[in-house]
């Protein structure tokens, strides 16, 4: 399908809205299937809805580190960064290289992207206990200085280590206790606050039911 046709469909989906809803967007992505050239063209439009759709039709095995870096640099929305990193970059051959490069970045969304890639490795069972010990040291040393959107992903990493590695659980809880809340805004009913000890406990409780 041509770019103009896809943009027309996006316009129809998002008529009168600031951003198209993710459900219809994912349905469109499923219909389009993988089309890397189209994905790059969608991303280059600079439209958030088109860029989100791009992450759904991109081919991770064709993604280069240079392309990924350029895309991240043009992403100004944390949801877009999450979709790009979890759905595309994490599945590419350059994931480890970019994780090492981005994880220590001071820029908020670049740092978030790096920590997202570490979380993806945890979810994919691609980290061993020794690596997790080193990650915990890093989190402990710099968590309080991290900007909010980077800190959120760091805490997700801390929580996943605490849940998936019982030998590191107490240390993860201790680090999270000293770290405290990232965001003290009221939490919607049924949601878990960005406080690692409660987050770990909530996941473990769900796993038992």
Protein backbone atom coordinates (compact mmCIF):
# COMPACT_ATOMS: atom_id res chain seq x y z
CA UNK A 1 0.00 0.00 0.00
CA UNK A 2 1.23 3.49 -0.82
CA UNK A 3 2.09 6.01 1.86
CA UNK A 4 -0.65 8.42 0.77
CA UNK A 5 -3.27 5.68 1.05
CA UNK A 6 -2.15 4.76 4.56
CA UNK A 7 -2.13 8.38 5.68
CA UNK A 8 -5.66 8.69 4.34
CA UNK A 9 -6.72 5.73 6.48
CA UNK A 10 -5.02 7.28 9.50
CA UNK A 11 -6.87 10.53 8.87
CA UNK A 12 -10.15 8.61 8.82
CA UNK A 13 -9.33 6.77 12.04
CA UNK A 14 -8.26 9.91 13.84
CA UNK A 15 -10.82 12.38 12.56
CA UNK A 16 -11.36 15.04 15.21
CA UNK A 17 -8.91 13.44 17.64
CA UNK A 18 -5.46 14.48 18.81
CA UNK A 19 -4.23 10.91 18.28
CA UNK A 20 -5.75 7.75 16.88
CA UNK A 21 -6.68 5.09 19.43
CA UNK A 22 -4.21 2.20 19.68
CA UNK A 23 -6.81 -0.53 19.03
CA UNK A 24 -7.74 0.64 15.52
CA UNK A 25 -4.10 1.48 14.85
CA UNK A 26 -2.99 -2.06 15.71
CA UNK A 27 -5.76 -3.46 13.52
CA UNK A 28 -4.46 -1.39 10.61
CA UNK A 29 -0.91 -2.56 11.30
CA UNK A 30 -2.05 -6.18 11.23
CA UNK A 31 -3.80 -5.56 7.92
CA UNK A 32 -0.72 -3.95 6.36
CA UNK A 33 1.67 -6.67 7.60
CA UNK A 34 5.44 -6.19 7.52
CA UNK A 35 6.58 -3.52 5.07
CA UNK A 36 9.91 -2.02 6.06
CA UNK A 37 10.05 0.60 3.30
CA UNK A 38 6.56 1.80 4.18
CA UNK A 39 7.51 1.87 7.86
CA UNK A 40 10.47 4.15 7.20
CA UNK A 41 8.29 6.44 5.10
CA UNK A 42 5.63 6.55 7.83
CA UNK A 43 8.24 7.42 10.42
CA UNK A 44 9.64 10.22 8.28
CA UNK A 45 6.25 11.97 8.21
CA UNK A 46 6.81 13.11 11.79
CA UNK A 47 3.17 12.34 12.61
CA UNK A 48 2.86 10.50 15.91
CA UNK A 49 0.10 8.20 14.68
CA UNK A 50 2.07 7.34 11.54
CA UNK A 51 5.24 6.78 13.57
CA UNK A 52 3.40 4.45 15.95
CA UNK A 53 2.06 2.53 12.96
CA UNK A 54 5.59 2.35 11.58
CA UNK A 55 6.72 0.35 14.62
CA UNK A 56 4.01 -2.21 13.85
CA UNK A 57 5.04 -2.88 10.25
CA UNK A 58 8.81 -2.47 10.52
CA UNK A 59 11.12 -5.46 9.96
CA UNK A 60 13.54 -5.68 12.93
CA UNK A 61 15.98 -7.81 10.93
CA UNK A 62 16.43 -4.91 8.48
CA UNK A 63 16.96 -2.26 11.12
CA UNK A 64 20.46 -0.77 11.31
CA UNK A 65 21.96 0.90 14.36
CA UNK A 66 22.17 4.17 12.43
CA UNK A 67 18.49 4.04 11.47
CA UNK A 68 17.47 3.19 15.03
CA UNK A 69 19.51 6.07 16.44
CA UNK A 70 18.01 8.50 13.94
CA UNK A 71 14.49 7.32 14.76
CA UNK A 72 15.05 7.64 18.48
CA UNK A 73 16.42 11.16 18.03
CA UNK A 74 13.19 12.19 16.31
CA UNK A 75 10.90 10.59 18.90
CA UNK A 76 9.53 13.16 21.33
CA UNK A 77 6.87 11.00 23.00
CA UNK A 78 7.66 8.32 25.59
CA UNK A 79 4.95 5.98 24.24
CA UNK A 80 6.58 6.17 20.83
CA UNK A 81 9.97 5.40 22.37
CA UNK A 82 8.48 2.37 24.12
CA UNK A 83 6.87 1.01 20.96
CA UNK A 84 10.08 1.53 18.98
CA UNK A 85 12.35 -0.11 21.53
CA UNK A 86 10.20 -3.05 22.65
CA UNK A 87 8.66 -3.95 19.29
CA UNK A 88 11.51 -3.22 16.90
CA UNK A 89 14.94 -2.43 18.35
CA UNK A 90 14.80 -5.21 20.95
CA UNK A 91 14.28 -7.75 18.16
CA UNK A 92 17.06 -6.41 15.94
CA UNK A 93 20.68 -7.48 15.58
CA UNK A 94 21.84 -4.12 16.94
CA UNK A 95 19.87 -4.37 20.23
CA UNK A 96 22.84 -5.14 22.48
CA UNK A 97 25.03 -2.48 20.88
CA UNK A 98 22.36 0.19 21.31
CA UNK A 99 21.50 -0.93 24.82
CA UNK A 100 25.11 -0.38 25.90
CA UNK A 101 25.17 3.00 24.17
CA UNK A 102 21.84 4.33 25.41
CA UNK A 103 21.54 3.00 28.95
CA UNK A 104 23.89 5.60 30.41
CA UNK A 105 22.51 8.52 28.39
CA UNK A 106 21.62 11.66 30.32
CA UNK A 107 18.94 12.60 27.80
CA UNK A 108 15.64 11.38 29.27
CA UNK A 109 14.10 9.47 26.37
CA UNK A 110 17.40 8.04 25.14
CA UNK A 111 18.06 6.73 28.63
CA UNK A 112 14.55 5.31 28.78
CA UNK A 113 15.18 3.50 25.48
CA UNK A 114 18.36 1.92 26.84
CA UNK A 115 16.65 0.67 29.99
CA UNK A 116 13.71 -0.58 27.93
CA UNK A 117 16.17 -2.77 26.04
CA UNK A 118 17.47 -4.18 29.32
CA UNK A 119 13.90 -4.92 30.39
CA UNK A 120 13.32 -6.66 27.05
CA UNK A 121 16.36 -8.85 27.70
CA UNK A 122 14.93 -9.78 31.10
CA UNK A 123 11.54 -10.60 29.60
CA UNK A 124 13.27 -12.73 26.98
CA UNK A 125 15.35 -14.53 29.64
CA UNK A 126 18.56 -13.30 28.05
CA UNK A 127 20.25 -12.08 31.25
CA UNK A 128 22.00 -14.22 33.85
CA UNK A 129 22.28 -13.63 37.59
CA UNK A 130 25.79 -12.13 37.44
CA UNK A 131 24.69 -9.53 34.91
CA UNK A 132 21.72 -8.67 37.10
CA UNK A 133 24.02 -8.04 40.06
CA UNK A 134 25.93 -5.49 37.99
CA UNK A 135 22.69 -3.86 36.83
CA UNK A 136 21.53 -3.52 40.43
CA UNK A 137 24.77 -1.70 41.26
CA UNK A 138 24.14 0.72 38.40
CA UNK A 139 20.55 1.34 39.45
CA UNK A 140 21.55 1.90 43.06
CA UNK A 141 24.25 4.40 42.12
CA UNK A 142 22.24 6.63 39.79
CA UNK A 143 18.52 6.02 40.25
CA UNK A 144 17.73 9.16 42.25
CA UNK A 145 19.44 11.46 39.75
CA UNK A 146 17.64 10.01 36.72
CA UNK A 147 14.92 12.10 35.02
CA UNK A 148 11.40 10.74 35.47
CA UNK A 149 10.83 8.90 32.19
CA UNK A 150 14.24 7.25 32.37
CA UNK A 151 13.69 6.43 36.04
CA UNK A 152 10.39 4.70 35.24
CA UNK A 153 12.16 2.25 32.95
CA UNK A 154 14.99 1.78 35.44
CA UNK A 155 12.44 0.89 38.10
CA UNK A 156 10.73 -1.55 35.74
CA UNK A 157 14.13 -3.21 35.31
CA UNK A 158 14.66 -3.30 39.08
CA UNK A 159 11.24 -4.87 39.57
CA UNK A 160 11.75 -7.51 36.86
CA UNK A 161 15.04 -8.54 38.44
CA UNK A 162 13.38 -8.77 41.86
CA UNK A 163 10.58 -10.92 40.47
CA UNK A 164 12.60 -13.17 38.17
CA UNK A 165 15.71 -13.72 40.30
CA UNK A 166 14.86 -14.78 43.88
CA UNK A 167 18.52 -14.52 44.85
CA UNK A 168 18.39 -10.78 44.07
CA UNK A 169 14.87 -10.12 45.38
CA UNK A 170 15.71 -8.71 48.79
CA UNK A 171 18.41 -6.46 47.39
CA UNK A 172 16.00 -5.17 44.74
CA UNK A 173 13.42 -4.45 47.45
CA UNK A 174 16.03 -2.68 49.59
CA UNK A 175 17.14 -0.51 46.66
CA UNK A 176 13.53 0.28 45.85
CA UNK A 177 12.78 1.20 49.46
CA UNK A 178 15.64 3.70 49.55
CA UNK A 179 14.68 5.00 46.11
CA UNK A 180 11.09 5.68 47.14
CA UNK A 181 8.29 6.87 44.87
CA UNK A 182 9.16 8.23 41.43
CA UNK A 183 5.79 9.92 41.02
CA UNK A 184 3.65 10.90 43.99
CA UNK A 185 0.51 11.63 41.98
CA UNK A 186 -2.61 9.62 42.99
CA UNK A 187 -2.66 6.13 41.45
CA UNK A 188 -5.86 4.99 39.69
CA UNK A 189 -7.74 2.16 41.38
CA UNK A 190 -6.32 -1.23 40.42
CA UNK A 191 -2.92 0.18 39.41
CA UNK A 192 0.41 -0.18 41.20
CA UNK A 193 2.43 2.95 42.05
CA UNK A 194 6.00 3.48 40.86
CA UNK A 195 7.35 2.10 44.15
CA UNK A 196 9.43 -1.03 43.59
CA UNK A 197 8.63 -2.98 46.81
CA UNK A 198 4.86 -2.71 46.24
CA UNK A 199 5.26 -3.42 42.52
CA UNK A 200 7.31 -6.57 43.18
CA UNK A 201 4.82 -7.74 45.82
CA UNK A 202 1.87 -7.16 43.48
CA UNK A 203 3.42 -9.23 40.68
CA UNK A 204 4.36 -12.08 43.01
CA UNK A 205 0.83 -12.08 44.45
CA UNK A 206 -0.68 -12.32 40.96
CA UNK A 207 1.65 -15.19 40.12
CA UNK A 208 0.30 -17.19 43.06
CA UNK A 209 -3.34 -16.84 42.02
